[in-house]
Amino acid sequence: MDKNFKVRVTVGVMIFIVALAGLYTFDSIPFKILFGLFALMSAVELLSFFKRKNSAFNVLLAVLEIAFLIFGTVFVCRINVDHFWYIILGVPGYDIFAYLSGKLFGGKVFKKSRPFPYVSKNKTWEGTILGLTMAIGMVAIKMACGGDFATDWMYLLCGPLALMGDLYESYLKRKFNVKDSNEILIKNKFFSILEACVGGSEGHGGFLDRIDSTAFACTVLLVISLL
């Protein structure tokens, strides 16, 4: 088991426990504050990208990402705990199963092809398909066990939206020539302490890397709910 995998699993479990504690205390206000702080730190990381590369197109990409962070936070503050479970099952659920499936089965069926070679070359067909299947399936099961399809149907989109949000951030980082969202800020001692909370400098870290899919998915869900 490689070191990056251990860090990803360990930090992911820790964040999940903290998130659950915040979700079920004081009407989930601590969780909403925590999500907002993650979004704020993600925006700081994003702005640091401009130290690496500047262009008008990159500014547009960054503005869109910041919009996702803002409107995603607005949506999180609007929904209740039951609805946020759809987000957990659909977005981190997709990320987890896509990652694990890619590690276990990647390249075993589709041996010489990748679904997104120019945006995220490490993604595999196996991981993508199984991740989407599990995410949609888990949301559907929860909906069947106590949801209302008439109002909750949009949460079935969480898995596909998670994939789209992840691809958007991958494309953004590629345009800025950045590998991990924290790789510029991590050099600052103050930020290195904060960044340690989400993976440190192990080749997998950064607040934006943790929240990108959720912010994108929640922004689209906000638009759908308003319409």
C-alpha atoms as a PDB file:
ATOM      1  CA  MET A   1       0.000   0.000   0.000  1.00  0.00           C
ATOM      2  CA  ASP A   2       1.580   3.294  -1.067  1.00  0.00           C
ATOM      3  CA  LYS A   3       2.010   6.217   1.311  1.00  0.00           C
ATOM      4  CA  ASN A   4      -0.326   8.477  -0.650  1.00  0.00           C
ATOM      5  CA  PHE A   5      -3.155   5.951  -0.301  1.00  0.00           C
ATOM      6  CA  LYS A   6      -2.650   5.722   3.477  1.00  0.00           C
ATOM      7  CA  VAL A   7      -2.704   9.506   3.827  1.00  0.00           C
ATOM      8  CA  ARG A   8      -5.825   9.799   1.681  1.00  0.00           C
ATOM      9  CA  VAL A   9      -7.734   7.188   3.702  1.00  0.00           C
ATOM     10  CA  THR A  10      -6.580   8.411   7.126  1.00  0.00           C
ATOM     11  CA  VAL A  11      -7.314  12.083   6.501  1.00  0.00           C
ATOM     12  CA  GLY A  12     -10.586  11.248   4.748  1.00  0.00           C
ATOM     13  CA  VAL A  13     -11.823   9.282   7.781  1.00  0.00           C
ATOM     14  CA  MET A  14     -10.793  12.062  10.161  1.00  0.00           C
ATOM     15  CA  ILE A  15     -12.577  14.751   8.110  1.00  0.00           C
ATOM     16  CA  PHE A  16     -15.673  12.544   7.887  1.00  0.00           C
ATOM     17  CA  ILE A  17     -15.821  12.123  11.673  1.00  0.00           C
ATOM     18  CA  VAL A  18     -15.415  15.863  12.260  1.00  0.00           C
ATOM     19  CA  ALA A  19     -18.040  16.601   9.606  1.00  0.00           C
ATOM     20  CA  LEU A  20     -20.544  14.213  11.207  1.00  0.00           C
ATOM     21  CA  ALA A  21     -19.986  15.778  14.620  1.00  0.00           C
ATOM     22  CA  GLY A  22     -20.676  19.202  13.141  1.00  0.00           C
ATOM     23  CA  LEU A  23     -23.669  17.943  11.177  1.00  0.00           C
ATOM     24  CA  TYR A  24     -25.501  16.676  14.257  1.00  0.00           C
ATOM     25  CA  THR A  25     -24.778  19.489  16.699  1.00  0.00           C
ATOM     26  CA  PHE A  26     -26.571  22.821  17.127  1.00  0.00           C
ATOM     27  CA  ASP A  27     -28.800  22.363  14.075  1.00  0.00           C
ATOM     28  CA  SER A  28     -25.714  21.594  11.926  1.00  0.00           C
ATOM     29  CA  ILE A  29     -24.449  25.186  12.274  1.00  0.00           C
ATOM     30  CA  PRO A  30     -20.860  24.047  13.133  1.00  0.00           C
ATOM     31  CA  PHE A  31     -20.838  21.950   9.970  1.00  0.00           C
ATOM     32  CA  LYS A  32     -21.981  24.873   7.837  1.00  0.00           C
ATOM     33  CA  ILE A  33     -19.277  27.063   9.378  1.00  0.00           C
ATOM     34  CA  LEU A  34     -16.686  24.337   8.723  1.00  0.00           C
ATOM     35  CA  PHE A  35     -17.796  24.015   5.103  1.00  0.00           C
ATOM     36  CA  GLY A  36     -17.593  27.792   4.701  1.00  0.00           C
ATOM     37  CA  LEU A  37     -14.050  27.818   6.103  1.00  0.00           C
ATOM     38  CA  PHE A  38     -13.061  25.043   3.680  1.00  0.00           C
ATOM     39  CA  ALA A  39     -14.499  27.101   0.827  1.00  0.00           C
ATOM     40  CA  LEU A  40     -12.601  30.199   2.013  1.00  0.00           C
ATOM     41  CA  MET A  41      -9.290  28.331   2.229  1.00  0.00           C
ATOM     42  CA  SER A  42      -9.977  26.825  -1.199  1.00  0.00           C
ATOM     43  CA  ALA A  43     -10.382  30.323  -2.618  1.00  0.00           C
ATOM     44  CA  VAL A  44      -7.065  31.362  -1.026  1.00  0.00           C
ATOM     45  CA  GLU A  45      -5.360  28.352  -2.613  1.00  0.00           C
ATOM     46  CA  LEU A  46      -6.937  29.191  -5.940  1.00  0.00           C
ATOM     47  CA  LEU A  47      -5.702  32.790  -5.850  1.00  0.00           C
ATOM     48  CA  SER A  48      -2.195  31.519  -5.097  1.00  0.00           C
ATOM     49  CA  PHE A  49      -2.228  29.767  -8.489  1.00  0.00           C
ATOM     50  CA  PHE A  50      -1.652  33.143 -10.143  1.00  0.00           C
ATOM     51  CA  LYS A  51       1.893  33.093  -8.796  1.00  0.00           C
ATOM     52  CA  ARG A  52       2.471  30.243 -11.207  1.00  0.00           C
ATOM     53  CA  LYS A  53       0.750  31.373 -14.391  1.00  0.00           C
ATOM     54  CA  ASN A  54      -1.370  34.297 -15.591  1.00  0.00           C
ATOM     55  CA  SER A  55      -3.760  34.711 -18.509  1.00  0.00           C
ATOM     56  CA  ALA A  56      -7.202  36.150 -19.174  1.00  0.00           C
ATOM     57  CA  PHE A  57      -8.600  32.647 -19.716  1.00  0.00           C
ATOM     58  CA  ASN A  58      -7.170  31.477 -16.398  1.00  0.00           C
ATOM     59  CA  VAL A  59      -8.839  34.418 -14.660  1.00  0.00           C
ATOM     60  CA  LEU A  60     -12.171  33.292 -16.115  1.00  0.00           C
ATOM     61  CA  LEU A  61     -11.600  29.717 -14.926  1.00  0.00           C
ATOM     62  CA  ALA A  62     -10.712  30.950 -11.437  1.00  0.00           C
ATOM     63  CA  VAL A  63     -13.760  33.247 -11.256  1.00  0.00           C
ATOM     64  CA  LEU A  64     -16.027  30.329 -12.162  1.00  0.00           C
ATOM     65  CA  GLU A  65     -14.413  28.127  -9.501  1.00  0.00           C
ATOM     66  CA  ILE A  66     -14.859  30.828  -6.858  1.00  0.00           C
ATOM     67  CA  ALA A  67     -18.513  31.120  -7.926  1.00  0.00           C
ATOM     68  CA  PHE A  68     -18.891  27.377  -7.373  1.00  0.00           C
ATOM     69  CA  LEU A  69     -17.383  27.732  -3.889  1.00  0.00           C
ATOM     70  CA  ILE A  70     -19.719  30.617  -2.974  1.00  0.00           C
ATOM     71  CA  PHE A  71     -22.961  29.175  -4.348  1.00  0.00           C
ATOM     72  CA  GLY A  72     -22.072  25.690  -3.131  1.00  0.00           C
ATOM     73  CA  THR A  73     -21.751  27.081   0.392  1.00  0.00           C
ATOM     74  CA  VAL A  74     -25.094  28.881   0.000  1.00  0.00           C
ATOM     75  CA  PHE A  75     -26.767  25.584  -0.935  1.00  0.00           C
ATOM     76  CA  VAL A  76     -25.195  23.740   2.013  1.00  0.00           C
ATOM     77  CA  CYS A  77     -26.556  26.432   4.351  1.00  0.00           C
ATOM     78  CA  ARG A  78     -30.057  26.009   2.864  1.00  0.00           C
ATOM     79  CA  ILE A  79     -30.519  22.254   3.146  1.00  0.00           C
ATOM     80  CA  ASN A  80     -31.245  20.052   6.159  1.00  0.00           C
ATOM     81  CA  VAL A  81     -29.270  17.104   7.523  1.00  0.00           C
ATOM     82  CA  ASP A  82     -31.323  14.474   5.669  1.00  0.00           C
ATOM     83  CA  HIS A  83     -30.715  16.165   2.350  1.00  0.00           C
ATOM     84  CA  PHE A  84     -27.036  16.572   3.053  1.00  0.00           C
ATOM     85  CA  TRP A  85     -26.764  12.808   3.399  1.00  0.00           C
ATOM     86  CA  TYR A  86     -27.609  12.636  -0.295  1.00  0.00           C
ATOM     87  CA  ILE A  87     -24.600  14.868  -0.933  1.00  0.00           C
ATOM     88  CA  ILE A  88     -22.339  12.671   1.207  1.00  0.00           C
ATOM     89  CA  LEU A  89     -23.482   9.461  -0.489  1.00  0.00           C
ATOM     90  CA  GLY A  90     -23.383  10.930  -3.982  1.00  0.00           C
ATOM     91  CA  VAL A  91     -20.290  13.141  -4.035  1.00  0.00           C
ATOM     92  CA  PRO A  92     -17.672  11.749  -1.604  1.00  0.00           C
ATOM     93  CA  GLY A  93     -19.314   8.385  -2.336  1.00  0.00           C
ATOM     94  CA  TYR A  94     -18.420   8.732  -6.009  1.00  0.00           C
ATOM     95  CA  ASP A  95     -14.890   9.955  -5.194  1.00  0.00           C
ATOM     96  CA  ILE A  96     -14.197   7.069  -2.803  1.00  0.00           C
ATOM     97  CA  PHE A  97     -15.524   4.261  -4.987  1.00  0.00           C
ATOM     98  CA  ALA A  98     -14.022   5.692  -8.169  1.00  0.00           C
ATOM     99  CA  TYR A  99     -10.619   5.917  -6.467  1.00  0.00           C
ATOM    100  CA  LEU A 100     -10.778   2.432  -4.909  1.00  0.00           C
ATOM    101  CA  SER A 101     -12.185   0.839  -8.070  1.00  0.00           C
ATOM    102  CA  GLY A 102      -9.509   2.500 -10.149  1.00  0.00           C
ATOM    103  CA  LYS A 103      -6.826   1.196  -7.803  1.00  0.00           C
ATOM    104  CA  LEU A 104      -8.221  -2.340  -7.763  1.00  0.00           C
ATOM    105  CA  PHE A 105      -9.557  -2.806 -11.292  1.00  0.00           C
ATOM    106  CA  GLY A 106      -8.120   0.042 -13.394  1.00  0.00           C
ATOM    107  CA  GLY A 107      -6.870  -1.194 -16.762  1.00  0.00           C
ATOM    108  CA  LYS A 108      -8.129  -4.749 -16.316  1.00  0.00           C
ATOM    109  CA  VAL A 109     -11.138  -4.401 -18.632  1.00  0.00           C
ATOM    110  CA  PHE A 110     -10.309  -1.334 -20.733  1.00  0.00           C
ATOM    111  CA  LYS A 111      -6.608  -2.030 -20.978  1.00  0.00           C
ATOM    112  CA  LYS A 112      -5.403   0.697 -23.313  1.00  0.00           C
ATOM    113  CA  SER A 113      -7.886   3.518 -22.940  1.00  0.00           C
ATOM    114  CA  ARG A 114      -8.656   6.293 -20.484  1.00  0.00           C
ATOM    115  CA  PRO A 115     -11.932   8.248 -20.392  1.00  0.00           C
ATOM    116  CA  PHE A 116     -10.351  11.708 -19.976  1.00  0.00           C
ATOM    117  CA  PRO A 117      -6.710  11.491 -21.124  1.00  0.00           C
ATOM    118  CA  TYR A 118      -6.260  15.216 -21.747  1.00  0.00           C
ATOM    119  CA  VAL A 119      -7.806  16.437 -18.486  1.00  0.00           C
ATOM    120  CA  SER A 120      -7.212  13.722 -15.896  1.00  0.00           C
ATOM    121  CA  LYS A 121      -5.012  10.994 -17.304  1.00  0.00           C
ATOM    122  CA  ASN A 122      -5.068   8.868 -14.125  1.00  0.00           C
ATOM    123  CA  LYS A 123      -8.818   8.257 -14.247  1.00  0.00           C
ATOM    124  CA  THR A 124      -9.841   4.853 -15.559  1.00  0.00           C
ATOM    125  CA  TRP A 125     -13.023   3.616 -17.199  1.00  0.00           C
ATOM    126  CA  GLU A 126     -13.394   0.992 -14.478  1.00  0.00           C
ATOM    127  CA  GLY A 127     -13.120   3.515 -11.653  1.00  0.00           C
ATOM    128  CA  THR A 128     -15.399   6.040 -13.340  1.00  0.00           C
ATOM    129  CA  ILE A 129     -18.152   3.552 -14.177  1.00  0.00           C
ATOM    130  CA  LEU A 130     -18.141   1.790 -10.802  1.00  0.00           C
ATOM    131  CA  GLY A 131     -17.899   5.103  -8.939  1.00  0.00           C
ATOM    132  CA  LEU A 132     -20.944   6.504 -10.757  1.00  0.00           C
ATOM    133  CA  THR A 133     -22.884   3.265 -10.316  1.00  0.00           C
ATOM    134  CA  MET A 134     -22.245   3.132  -6.563  1.00  0.00           C
ATOM    135  CA  ALA A 135     -22.975   6.837  -6.039  1.00  0.00           C
ATOM    136  CA  ILE A 136     -26.299   6.744  -7.897  1.00  0.00           C
ATOM    137  CA  GLY A 137     -27.197   3.429  -6.255  1.00  0.00           C
ATOM    138  CA  MET A 138     -26.550   4.661  -2.700  1.00  0.00           C
ATOM    139  CA  VAL A 139     -28.569   7.846  -3.238  1.00  0.00           C
ATOM    140  CA  ALA A 140     -31.422   5.809  -4.754  1.00  0.00           C
ATOM    141  CA  ILE A 141     -31.433   3.392  -1.798  1.00  0.00           C
ATOM    142  CA  LYS A 142     -31.592   6.244   0.717  1.00  0.00           C
ATOM    143  CA  MET A 143     -34.368   7.868  -1.299  1.00  0.00           C
ATOM    144  CA  ALA A 144     -36.316   4.593  -1.323  1.00  0.00           C
ATOM    145  CA  CYS A 145     -35.846   4.219   2.439  1.00  0.00           C
ATOM    146  CA  GLY A 146     -37.375   7.532   3.415  1.00  0.00           C
ATOM    147  CA  GLY A 147     -37.043  10.205   0.787  1.00  0.00           C
ATOM    148  CA  ASP A 148     -39.516  11.854  -1.540  1.00  0.00           C
ATOM    149  CA  PHE A 149     -38.652  11.293  -5.182  1.00  0.00           C
ATOM    150  CA  ALA A 150     -40.844  14.206  -6.286  1.00  0.00           C
ATOM    151  CA  THR A 151     -38.597  16.688  -4.450  1.00  0.00           C
ATOM    152  CA  ASP A 152     -35.361  14.720  -3.989  1.00  0.00           C
ATOM    153  CA  TRP A 153     -34.857  13.351  -7.525  1.00  0.00           C
ATOM    154  CA  MET A 154     -32.169  15.953  -8.295  1.00  0.00           C
ATOM    155  CA  TYR A 155     -29.809  14.319  -5.780  1.00  0.00           C
ATOM    156  CA  LEU A 156     -29.509  11.350  -8.142  1.00  0.00           C
ATOM    157  CA  LEU A 157     -27.305  13.713 -10.175  1.00  0.00           C
ATOM    158  CA  CYS A 158     -24.727  13.974  -7.365  1.00  0.00           C
ATOM    159  CA  GLY A 159     -22.425  11.282  -8.776  1.00  0.00           C
ATOM    160  CA  PRO A 160     -22.260  12.664 -12.329  1.00  0.00           C
ATOM    161  CA  LEU A 161     -21.926  16.211 -10.968  1.00  0.00           C
ATOM    162  CA  ALA A 162     -19.076  15.079  -8.696  1.00  0.00           C
ATOM    163  CA  LEU A 163     -17.260  13.726 -11.737  1.00  0.00           C
ATOM    164  CA  MET A 164     -17.830  16.969 -13.657  1.00  0.00           C
ATOM    165  CA  GLY A 165     -16.606  19.091 -10.733  1.00  0.00           C
ATOM    166  CA  ASP A 166     -13.498  16.969 -10.355  1.00  0.00           C
ATOM    167  CA  LEU A 167     -12.763  17.211 -14.080  1.00  0.00           C
ATOM    168  CA  TYR A 168     -13.242  20.981 -14.014  1.00  0.00           C
ATOM    169  CA  GLU A 169     -10.729  21.372 -11.202  1.00  0.00           C
ATOM    170  CA  SER A 170      -8.293  19.044 -12.955  1.00  0.00           C
ATOM    171  CA  TYR A 171      -8.583  21.138 -16.102  1.00  0.00           C
ATOM    172  CA  LEU A 172      -8.157  24.350 -14.100  1.00  0.00           C
ATOM    173  CA  LYS A 173      -5.006  23.050 -12.390  1.00  0.00           C
ATOM    174  CA  ARG A 174      -3.636  21.868 -15.718  1.00  0.00           C
ATOM    175  CA  LYS A 175      -4.085  25.372 -17.168  1.00  0.00           C
ATOM    176  CA  PHE A 176      -2.295  26.857 -14.160  1.00  0.00           C
ATOM    177  CA  ASN A 177       0.375  24.127 -14.255  1.00  0.00           C
ATOM    178  CA  VAL A 178      -0.410  23.075 -10.672  1.00  0.00           C
ATOM    179  CA  LYS A 179      -0.487  19.450  -9.475  1.00  0.00           C
ATOM    180  CA  ASP A 180      -1.982  19.764  -5.980  1.00  0.00           C
ATOM    181  CA  SER A 181      -4.002  22.782  -4.900  1.00  0.00           C
ATOM    182  CA  ASN A 182      -1.812  23.373  -1.852  1.00  0.00           C
ATOM    183  CA  GLU A 183       1.594  23.071  -3.505  1.00  0.00           C
ATOM    184  CA  ILE A 184       2.186  26.844  -3.566  1.00  0.00           C
ATOM    185  CA  LEU A 185       0.735  27.774  -0.151  1.00  0.00           C
ATOM    186  CA  ILE A 186       2.338  24.791   1.584  1.00  0.00           C
ATOM    187  CA  LYS A 187       5.672  26.598   1.394  1.00  0.00           C
ATOM    188  CA  ASN A 188       4.371  29.168   3.875  1.00  0.00           C
ATOM    189  CA  LYS A 189       4.795  27.983   7.494  1.00  0.00           C
ATOM    190  CA  PHE A 190       1.399  29.299   8.597  1.00  0.00           C
ATOM    191  CA  PHE A 191      -0.467  27.642   5.751  1.00  0.00           C
ATOM    192  CA  SER A 192       1.561  24.455   6.029  1.00  0.00           C
ATOM    193  CA  ILE A 193      -0.031  23.886   9.457  1.00  0.00           C
ATOM    194  CA  LEU A 194      -3.537  24.371   8.033  1.00  0.00           C
ATOM    195  CA  GLU A 195      -2.807  22.264   4.979  1.00  0.00           C
ATOM    196  CA  ALA A 196      -1.618  19.416   7.211  1.00  0.00           C
ATOM    197  CA  CYS A 197      -5.287  19.025   8.222  1.00  0.00           C
ATOM    198  CA  VAL A 198      -6.230  17.920   4.729  1.00  0.00           C
ATOM    199  CA  GLY A 199      -3.290  15.803   3.673  1.00  0.00           C
ATOM    200  CA  GLY A 200      -0.184  17.905   4.137  1.00  0.00           C
ATOM    201  CA  SER A 201       2.442  17.743   1.413  1.00  0.00           C
ATOM    202  CA  GLU A 202       2.216  14.025   0.609  1.00  0.00           C
ATOM    203  CA  GLY A 203       1.458  14.596  -3.059  1.00  0.00           C
ATOM    204  CA  HIS A 204      -2.244  14.638  -2.255  1.00  0.00           C
ATOM    205  CA  GLY A 205      -3.494  17.646  -0.397  1.00  0.00           C
ATOM    206  CA  GLY A 206      -5.250  20.930  -0.397  1.00  0.00           C
ATOM    207  CA  PHE A 207      -8.639  22.265   0.588  1.00  0.00           C
ATOM    208  CA  LEU A 208      -9.704  22.791  -3.015  1.00  0.00           C
ATOM    209  CA  ASP A 209      -8.836  19.183  -3.833  1.00  0.00           C
ATOM    210  CA  ARG A 210     -11.225  18.117  -1.068  1.00  0.00           C
ATOM    211  CA  ILE A 211     -14.170  20.363  -1.817  1.00  0.00           C
ATOM    212  CA  ASP A 212     -14.131  20.901  -5.587  1.00  0.00           C
ATOM    213  CA  SER A 213     -16.662  18.193  -6.491  1.00  0.00           C
ATOM    214  CA  THR A 214     -19.010  19.142  -3.658  1.00  0.00           C
ATOM    215  CA  ALA A 215     -18.905  22.852  -4.527  1.00  0.00           C
ATOM    216  CA  PHE A 216     -19.689  22.179  -8.195  1.00  0.00           C
ATOM    217  CA  ALA A 217     -22.462  19.682  -7.432  1.00  0.00           C
ATOM    218  CA  CYS A 218     -24.084  21.945  -4.838  1.00  0.00           C
ATOM    219  CA  THR A 219     -23.992  24.920  -7.209  1.00  0.00           C
ATOM    220  CA  VAL A 220     -25.863  22.990  -9.896  1.00  0.00           C
ATOM    221  CA  LEU A 221     -28.323  21.634  -7.300  1.00  0.00           C
ATOM    222  CA  LEU A 222     -28.913  25.185  -6.058  1.00  0.00           C
ATOM    223  CA  VAL A 223     -29.789  26.303  -9.587  1.00  0.00           C
ATOM    224  CA  ILE A 224     -32.138  23.332 -10.050  1.00  0.00           C
ATOM    225  CA  SER A 225     -33.838  23.956  -6.699  1.00  0.00           C
ATOM    226  CA  LEU A 226     -34.366  27.637  -7.527  1.00  0.00           C
ATOM    227  CA  LEU A 227     -35.842  26.768 -10.894  1.00  0.00           C
END
